[in-house]
Structures are given as structure tokens and as C-alpha cells.
């Protein structure tokens, strides 16, 4: 599946850590997508600071918004 909207992740590494930027067209992200991205980023950051992997099963991807991503009308 190819989306018309580009979401780009940029990671800059430093000796003491790293910075992450998320670049996306405003139409490519809705509030739920932003919440999911921030939640996943927080989980990844926490996983880096502790030796054991986080408990739980990852959420399956949802494709209910695919027609909107592709510009199709219901």
C-alpha cells in the first residue's frame, strides 16, 4: 500500500543520546495517529533504559482509514 502522505523519521545520534524528529504532512496524521506515535516512542525510549523487554502484545495494525489515506470516498 502506498500512501499519498509522506511520514519521515529523522534520528540524529550524539555521544550522550539522540534526537528524533517526525516530519509529516498535517493531513497525513490524525489525533489518534499522533497519540499512537507518541505512545510507541515513549515505549521505545523506556525499553532502551531497562534491560527487560516491555510486557504485552503489540497492537495489530488497523486499516480502517486506508480509503482516506488513498483519497477514496466511501
PDB file of N, CA and C in Angstrom:
ATOM      1  N   UNK A   1       0.845  -1.168   0.000  1.00  0.00           N
ATOM      2  CA  UNK A   1       0.000   0.000   0.000  1.00  0.00           C
ATOM      3  C   UNK A   1       0.894   1.235   0.000  1.00  0.00           C
ATOM      4  N   UNK A   2       0.592   2.160  -0.865  1.00  0.00           N
ATOM      5  CA  UNK A   2       1.350   3.394  -0.958  1.00  0.00           C
ATOM      6  C   UNK A   2       0.434   4.542  -0.582  1.00  0.00           C
ATOM      7  N   UNK A   3       0.875   5.358   0.330  1.00  0.00           N
ATOM      8  CA  UNK A   3       0.088   6.496   0.783  1.00  0.00           C
ATOM      9  C   UNK A   3       0.537   7.746   0.047  1.00  0.00           C
ATOM     10  N   UNK A   4      -0.394   8.670  -0.150  1.00  0.00           N
ATOM     11  CA  UNK A   4      -0.053   9.947  -0.767  1.00  0.00           C
ATOM     12  C   UNK A   4       0.690  10.838   0.215  1.00  0.00           C
ATOM     13  N   UNK A   5       0.570  10.539   1.504  1.00  0.00           N
ATOM     14  CA  UNK A   5       1.168  11.371   2.539  1.00  0.00           C
ATOM     15  C   UNK A   5       2.472  10.745   3.007  1.00  0.00           C
ATOM     16  N   UNK A   6       3.484  11.566   3.092  1.00  0.00           N
ATOM     17  CA  UNK A   6       4.788  11.084   3.496  1.00  0.00           C
ATOM     18  C   UNK A   6       5.003  11.355   4.978  1.00  0.00           C
ATOM     19  N   UNK A   7       5.411  10.343   5.692  1.00  0.00           N
ATOM     20  CA  UNK A   7       5.821  10.496   7.081  1.00  0.00           C
ATOM     21  C   UNK A   7       7.283  10.092   7.128  1.00  0.00           C
ATOM     22  N   UNK A   8       8.109  10.990   7.630  1.00  0.00           N
ATOM     23  CA  UNK A   8       9.544  10.785   7.599  1.00  0.00           C
ATOM     24  C   UNK A   8      10.089  10.855   9.023  1.00  0.00           C
ATOM     25  N   UNK A   9      10.925   9.904   9.392  1.00  0.00           N
ATOM     26  CA  UNK A   9      11.567   9.928  10.705  1.00  0.00           C
ATOM     27  C   UNK A   9      13.025  10.300  10.511  1.00  0.00           C
ATOM     28  N   UNK A  10      13.490  11.228  11.316  1.00  0.00           N
ATOM     29  CA  UNK A  10      14.878  11.648  11.258  1.00  0.00           C
ATOM     30  C   UNK A  10      15.472  11.449  12.645  1.00  0.00           C
ATOM     31  N   UNK A  11      16.535  10.677  12.734  1.00  0.00           N
ATOM     32  CA  UNK A  11      17.194  10.434  14.015  1.00  0.00           C
ATOM     33  C   UNK A  11      18.613  10.971  13.922  1.00  0.00           C
ATOM     34  N   UNK A  12      18.986  11.809  14.880  1.00  0.00           N
ATOM     35  CA  UNK A  12      20.334  12.343  14.964  1.00  0.00           C
ATOM     36  C   UNK A  12      20.988  11.768  16.214  1.00  0.00           C
ATOM     37  N   UNK A  13      22.100  11.072  16.047  1.00  0.00           N
ATOM     38  CA  UNK A  13      22.774  10.426  17.175  1.00  0.00           C
ATOM     39  C   UNK A  13      23.873  11.330  17.709  1.00  0.00           C
ATOM     40  N   UNK A  14      23.986  11.399  19.023  1.00  0.00           N
ATOM     41  CA  UNK A  14      25.040  12.131  19.717  1.00  0.00           C
ATOM     42  C   UNK A  14      25.725  11.158  20.675  1.00  0.00           C
ATOM     43  N   UNK A  15      26.866  11.545  21.232  1.00  0.00           N
ATOM     44  CA  UNK A  15      27.563  10.672  22.177  1.00  0.00           C
ATOM     45  C   UNK A  15      26.734  10.414  23.429  1.00  0.00           C
ATOM     46  N   UNK A  16      25.931  11.382  23.844  1.00  0.00           N
ATOM     47  CA  UNK A  16      25.171  11.242  25.091  1.00  0.00           C
ATOM     48  C   UNK A  16      23.708  10.886  24.846  1.00  0.00           C
ATOM     49  N   UNK A  17      23.316  10.612  23.622  1.00  0.00           N
ATOM     50  CA  UNK A  17      21.918  10.278  23.349  1.00  0.00           C
ATOM     51  C   UNK A  17      21.566  10.576  21.902  1.00  0.00           C
ATOM     52  N   UNK A  18      20.310  10.865  21.672  1.00  0.00           N
ATOM     53  CA  UNK A  18      19.876  11.131  20.311  1.00  0.00           C
ATOM     54  C   UNK A  18      18.635  12.014  20.321  1.00  0.00           C
ATOM     55  N   UNK A  19      18.384  12.657  19.194  1.00  0.00           N
ATOM     56  CA  UNK A  19      17.171  13.437  18.961  1.00  0.00           C
ATOM     57  C   UNK A  19      16.394  12.750  17.856  1.00  0.00           C
ATOM     58  N   UNK A  20      15.094  12.747  17.971  1.00  0.00           N
ATOM     59  CA  UNK A  20      14.236  12.171  16.945  1.00  0.00           C
ATOM     60  C   UNK A  20      13.243  13.216  16.492  1.00  0.00           C
ATOM     61  N   UNK A  21      13.065  13.328  15.197  1.00  0.00           N
ATOM     62  CA  UNK A  21      12.076  14.236  14.629  1.00  0.00           C
ATOM     63  C   UNK A  21      11.131  13.423  13.768  1.00  0.00           C
ATOM     64  N   UNK A  22       9.875  13.794  13.778  1.00  0.00           N
ATOM     65  CA  UNK A  22       8.881  13.168  12.917  1.00  0.00           C
ATOM     66  C   UNK A  22       8.334  14.263  12.018  1.00  0.00           C
ATOM     67  N   UNK A  23       8.493  14.088  10.737  1.00  0.00           N
ATOM     68  CA  UNK A  23       8.048  15.086   9.774  1.00  0.00           C
ATOM     69  C   UNK A  23       6.902  14.477   8.984  1.00  0.00           C
ATOM     70  N   UNK A  24       5.739  15.129   9.032  1.00  0.00           N
ATOM     71  CA  UNK A  24       4.566  14.591   8.347  1.00  0.00           C
ATOM     72  C   UNK A  24       3.695  15.727   7.842  1.00  0.00           C
ATOM     73  N   UNK A  25       3.037  15.484   6.753  1.00  0.00           N
ATOM     74  CA  UNK A  25       2.058  16.434   6.249  1.00  0.00           C
ATOM     75  C   UNK A  25       0.881  16.425   7.208  1.00  0.00           C
ATOM     76  N   UNK A  26       0.320  17.579   7.517  1.00  0.00           N
ATOM     77  CA  UNK A  26      -0.737  17.649   8.530  1.00  0.00           C
ATOM     78  C   UNK A  26      -1.966  16.822   8.164  1.00  0.00           C
ATOM     79  N   UNK A  27      -2.201  16.581   6.907  1.00  0.00           N
ATOM     80  CA  UNK A  27      -3.329  15.738   6.515  1.00  0.00           C
ATOM     81  C   UNK A  27      -3.025  14.257   6.690  1.00  0.00           C
ATOM     82  N   UNK A  28      -1.754  13.939   6.840  1.00  0.00           N
ATOM     83  CA  UNK A  28      -1.363  12.541   6.986  1.00  0.00           C
ATOM     84  C   UNK A  28      -1.499  12.010   8.399  1.00  0.00           C
ATOM     85  N   UNK A  29      -1.708  12.903   9.361  1.00  0.00           N
ATOM     86  CA  UNK A  29      -1.814  12.476  10.754  1.00  0.00           C
ATOM     87  C   UNK A  29      -3.111  12.976  11.364  1.00  0.00           C
ATOM     88  N   UNK A  30      -3.818  12.094  11.995  1.00  0.00           N
ATOM     89  CA  UNK A  30      -4.989  12.495  12.762  1.00  0.00           C
ATOM     90  C   UNK A  30      -4.614  12.391  14.243  1.00  0.00           C
ATOM     91  N   UNK A  31      -5.463  12.881  15.147  1.00  0.00           N
ATOM     92  CA  UNK A  31      -5.107  12.844  16.574  1.00  0.00           C
ATOM     93  C   UNK A  31      -4.778  11.444  17.087  1.00  0.00           C
ATOM     94  N   UNK A  32      -5.486  10.434  16.617  1.00  0.00           N
ATOM     95  CA  UNK A  32      -5.201   9.071  17.088  1.00  0.00           C
ATOM     96  C   UNK A  32      -3.821   8.617  16.611  1.00  0.00           C
ATOM     97  N   UNK A  33      -3.473   8.940  15.375  1.00  0.00           N
ATOM     98  CA  UNK A  33      -2.159   8.552  14.861  1.00  0.00           C
ATOM     99  C   UNK A  33      -1.051   9.219  15.668  1.00  0.00           C
ATOM    100  N   UNK A  34      -1.239  10.483  16.011  1.00  0.00           N
ATOM    101  CA  UNK A  34      -0.235  11.192  16.809  1.00  0.00           C
ATOM    102  C   UNK A  34      -0.104  10.533  18.180  1.00  0.00           C
ATOM    103  N   UNK A  35      -1.230  10.193  18.800  1.00  0.00           N
ATOM    104  CA  UNK A  35      -1.187   9.518  20.101  1.00  0.00           C
ATOM    105  C   UNK A  35      -0.451   8.185  19.995  1.00  0.00           C
ATOM    106  N   UNK A  36      -0.728   7.419  18.950  1.00  0.00           N
ATOM    107  CA  UNK A  36      -0.061   6.125  18.761  1.00  0.00           C
ATOM    108  C   UNK A  36       1.444   6.298  18.582  1.00  0.00           C
ATOM    109  N   UNK A  37       1.837   7.282  17.783  1.00  0.00           N
ATOM    110  CA  UNK A  37       3.263   7.519  17.531  1.00  0.00           C
ATOM    111  C   UNK A  37       3.967   7.920  18.820  1.00  0.00           C
ATOM    112  N   UNK A  38       3.357   8.827  19.587  1.00  0.00           N
ATOM    113  CA  UNK A  38       3.969   9.265  20.838  1.00  0.00           C
ATOM    114  C   UNK A  38       4.037   8.124  21.856  1.00  0.00           C
ATOM    115  N   UNK A  39       2.990   7.290  21.919  1.00  0.00           N
ATOM    116  CA  UNK A  39       2.987   6.154  22.836  1.00  0.00           C
ATOM    117  C   UNK A  39       4.091   5.167  22.465  1.00  0.00           C
ATOM    118  N   UNK A  40       4.220   4.876  21.177  1.00  0.00           N
ATOM    119  CA  UNK A  40       5.247   3.936  20.732  1.00  0.00           C
ATOM    120  C   UNK A  40       6.648   4.495  20.964  1.00  0.00           C
ATOM    121  N   UNK A  41       6.817   5.798  20.762  1.00  0.00           N
ATOM    122  CA  UNK A  41       8.121   6.421  21.004  1.00  0.00           C
ATOM    123  C   UNK A  41       8.477   6.355  22.489  1.00  0.00           C
ATOM    124  N   UNK A  42       7.493   6.600  23.357  1.00  0.00           N
ATOM    125  CA  UNK A  42       7.737   6.522  24.802  1.00  0.00           C
ATOM    126  C   UNK A  42       8.090   5.094  25.212  1.00  0.00           C
ATOM    127  N   UNK A  43       7.390   4.111  24.657  1.00  0.00           N
ATOM    128  CA  UNK A  43       7.696   2.713  24.973  1.00  0.00           C
ATOM    129  C   UNK A  43       9.100   2.337  24.500  1.00  0.00           C
ATOM    130  N   UNK A  44       9.474   2.811  23.329  1.00  0.00           N
ATOM    131  CA  UNK A  44      10.813   2.510  22.807  1.00  0.00           C
ATOM    132  C   UNK A  44      11.885   3.154  23.678  1.00  0.00           C
ATOM    133  N   UNK A  45      11.640   4.385  24.125  1.00  0.00           N
ATOM    134  CA  UNK A  45      12.608   5.064  24.986  1.00  0.00           C
ATOM    135  C   UNK A  45      12.734   4.346  26.323  1.00  0.00           C
ATOM    136  N   UNK A  46      11.618   3.903  26.886  1.00  0.00           N
ATOM    137  CA  UNK A  46      11.662   3.164  28.147  1.00  0.00           C
ATOM    138  C   UNK A  46      12.374   1.824  27.970  1.00  0.00           C
ATOM    139  N   UNK A  47      12.174   1.184  26.840  1.00  0.00           N
ATOM    140  CA  UNK A  47      12.820  -0.103  26.586  1.00  0.00           C
ATOM    141  C   UNK A  47      14.336   0.052  26.521  1.00  0.00           C
ATOM    142  N   UNK A  48      14.801   1.203  26.054  1.00  0.00           N
ATOM    143  CA  UNK A  48      16.241   1.451  25.978  1.00  0.00           C
ATOM    144  C   UNK A  48      16.860   1.614  27.361  1.00  0.00           C
ATOM    145  N   UNK A  49      16.062   2.059  28.350  1.00  0.00           N
ATOM    146  CA  UNK A  49      16.613   2.344  29.673  1.00  0.00           C
ATOM    147  C   UNK A  49      16.481   1.181  30.641  1.00  0.00           C
ATOM    148  N   UNK A  50      15.807   0.115  30.263  1.00  0.00           N
ATOM    149  CA  UNK A  50      15.673  -1.039  31.161  1.00  0.00           C
ATOM    150  C   UNK A  50      16.085  -2.312  30.419  1.00  0.00           C
ATOM    151  N   UNK A  51      16.613  -3.278  31.141  1.00  0.00           N
ATOM    152  CA  UNK A  51      17.134  -4.475  30.479  1.00  0.00           C
ATOM    153  C   UNK A  51      16.071  -5.441  29.975  1.00  0.00           C
ATOM    154  N   UNK A  52      14.895  -5.465  30.605  1.00  0.00           N
ATOM    155  CA  UNK A  52      13.874  -6.430  30.194  1.00  0.00           C
ATOM    156  C   UNK A  52      12.925  -5.821  29.170  1.00  0.00           C
ATOM    157  N   UNK A  53      12.438  -6.594  28.214  1.00  0.00           N
ATOM    158  CA  UNK A  53      11.515  -6.060  27.206  1.00  0.00           C
ATOM    159  C   UNK A  53      10.159  -5.746  27.831  1.00  0.00           C
ATOM    160  N   UNK A  54       9.422  -4.784  27.278  1.00  0.00           N
ATOM    161  CA  UNK A  54       8.113  -4.453  27.826  1.00  0.00           C
ATOM    162  C   UNK A  54       7.140  -5.625  27.685  1.00  0.00           C
ATOM    163  N   UNK A  55       6.284  -5.785  28.691  1.00  0.00           N
ATOM    164  CA  UNK A  55       5.297  -6.864  28.666  1.00  0.00           C
ATOM    165  C   UNK A  55       4.139  -6.483  27.758  1.00  0.00           C
ATOM    166  N   UNK A  56       3.452  -7.474  27.280  1.00  0.00           N
ATOM    167  CA  UNK A  56       2.283  -7.202  26.453  1.00  0.00           C
ATOM    168  C   UNK A  56       2.528  -7.529  24.998  1.00  0.00           C
ATOM    169  N   UNK A  57       1.438  -7.633  24.309  1.00  0.00           N
ATOM    170  CA  UNK A  57       1.478  -7.973  22.899  1.00  0.00           C
ATOM    171  C   UNK A  57       1.308  -6.691  22.080  1.00  0.00           C
ATOM    172  N   UNK A  58       2.065  -6.487  21.015  1.00  0.00           N
ATOM    173  CA  UNK A  58       1.893  -5.282  20.208  1.00  0.00           C
ATOM    174  C   UNK A  58       0.510  -5.244  19.568  1.00  0.00           C
ATOM    175  N   UNK A  59      -0.007  -4.036  19.413  1.00  0.00           N
ATOM    176  CA  UNK A  59      -1.324  -3.882  18.800  1.00  0.00           C
ATOM    177  C   UNK A  59      -1.238  -4.192  17.309  1.00  0.00           C
ATOM    178  N   UNK A  60      -2.233  -4.881  16.775  1.00  0.00           N
ATOM    179  CA  UNK A  60      -2.225  -5.145  15.335  1.00  0.00           C
ATOM    180  C   UNK A  60      -2.503  -3.859  14.560  1.00  0.00           C
ATOM    181  N   UNK A  61      -1.996  -3.754  13.346  1.00  0.00           N
ATOM    182  CA  UNK A  61      -2.278  -2.554  12.554  1.00  0.00           C
ATOM    183  C   UNK A  61      -3.750  -2.485  12.188  1.00  0.00           C
ATOM    184  N   UNK A  62      -4.251  -1.276  12.088  1.00  0.00           N
ATOM    185  CA  UNK A  62      -5.638  -1.073  11.686  1.00  0.00           C
ATOM    186  C   UNK A  62      -5.646  -0.421  10.303  1.00  0.00           C
ATOM    187  N   UNK A  63      -6.446  -0.974   9.441  1.00  0.00           N
ATOM    188  CA  UNK A  63      -6.502  -0.459   8.083  1.00  0.00           C
ATOM    189  C   UNK A  63      -7.833   0.216   7.785  1.00  0.00           C
ATOM    190  N   UNK A  64      -8.576   0.583   8.827  1.00  0.00           N
ATOM    191  CA  UNK A  64      -9.893   1.185   8.610  1.00  0.00           C
ATOM    192  C   UNK A  64      -9.807   2.560   7.949  1.00  0.00           C
ATOM    193  N   UNK A  65      -8.669   3.231   8.075  1.00  0.00           N
ATOM    194  CA  UNK A  65      -8.517   4.547   7.462  1.00  0.00           C
ATOM    195  C   UNK A  65      -7.863   4.484   6.086  1.00  0.00           C
ATOM    196  N   UNK A  66      -7.592   3.298   5.577  1.00  0.00           N
ATOM    197  CA  UNK A  66      -6.920   3.175   4.288  1.00  0.00           C
ATOM    198  C   UNK A  66      -7.604   3.940   3.169  1.00  0.00           C
ATOM    199  N   UNK A  67      -8.949   3.906   3.049  1.00  0.00           N
ATOM    200  CA  UNK A  67      -9.566   4.690   1.974  1.00  0.00           C
ATOM    201  C   UNK A  67      -9.270   6.183   2.087  1.00  0.00           C
ATOM    202  N   UNK A  68      -9.188   6.693   3.305  1.00  0.00           N
ATOM    203  CA  UNK A  68      -8.854   8.105   3.479  1.00  0.00           C
ATOM    204  C   UNK A  68      -7.416   8.372   3.075  1.00  0.00           C
ATOM    205  N   UNK A  69      -6.503   7.451   3.410  1.00  0.00           N
ATOM    206  CA  UNK A  69      -5.108   7.618   3.044  1.00  0.00           C
ATOM    207  C   UNK A  69      -4.944   7.626   1.532  1.00  0.00           C
ATOM    208  N   UNK A  70      -5.741   6.806   0.858  1.00  0.00           N
ATOM    209  CA  UNK A  70      -5.621   6.684  -0.586  1.00  0.00           C
ATOM    210  C   UNK A  70      -6.463   7.712  -1.332  1.00  0.00           C
ATOM    211  N   UNK A  71      -7.253   8.503  -0.621  1.00  0.00           N
ATOM    212  CA  UNK A  71      -8.064   9.527  -1.263  1.00  0.00           C
ATOM    213  C   UNK A  71      -9.369   9.001  -1.829  1.00  0.00           C
ATOM    214  N   UNK A  72      -9.756   7.791  -1.428  1.00  0.00           N
ATOM    215  CA  UNK A  72     -11.001   7.211  -1.923  1.00  0.00           C
ATOM    216  C   UNK A  72     -12.168   7.697  -1.080  1.00  0.00           C
ATOM    217  N   UNK A  73     -13.333   7.672  -1.645  1.00  0.00           N
ATOM    218  CA  UNK A  73     -14.554   8.066  -0.937  1.00  0.00           C
ATOM    219  C   UNK A  73     -15.346   6.809  -0.591  1.00  0.00           C
ATOM    220  N   UNK A  74     -15.944   6.758   0.632  1.00  0.00           N
ATOM    221  CA  UNK A  74     -16.754   5.577   0.982  1.00  0.00           C
ATOM    222  C   UNK A  74     -18.018   5.491   0.161  1.00  0.00           C
TER     223      UNK A  74
END
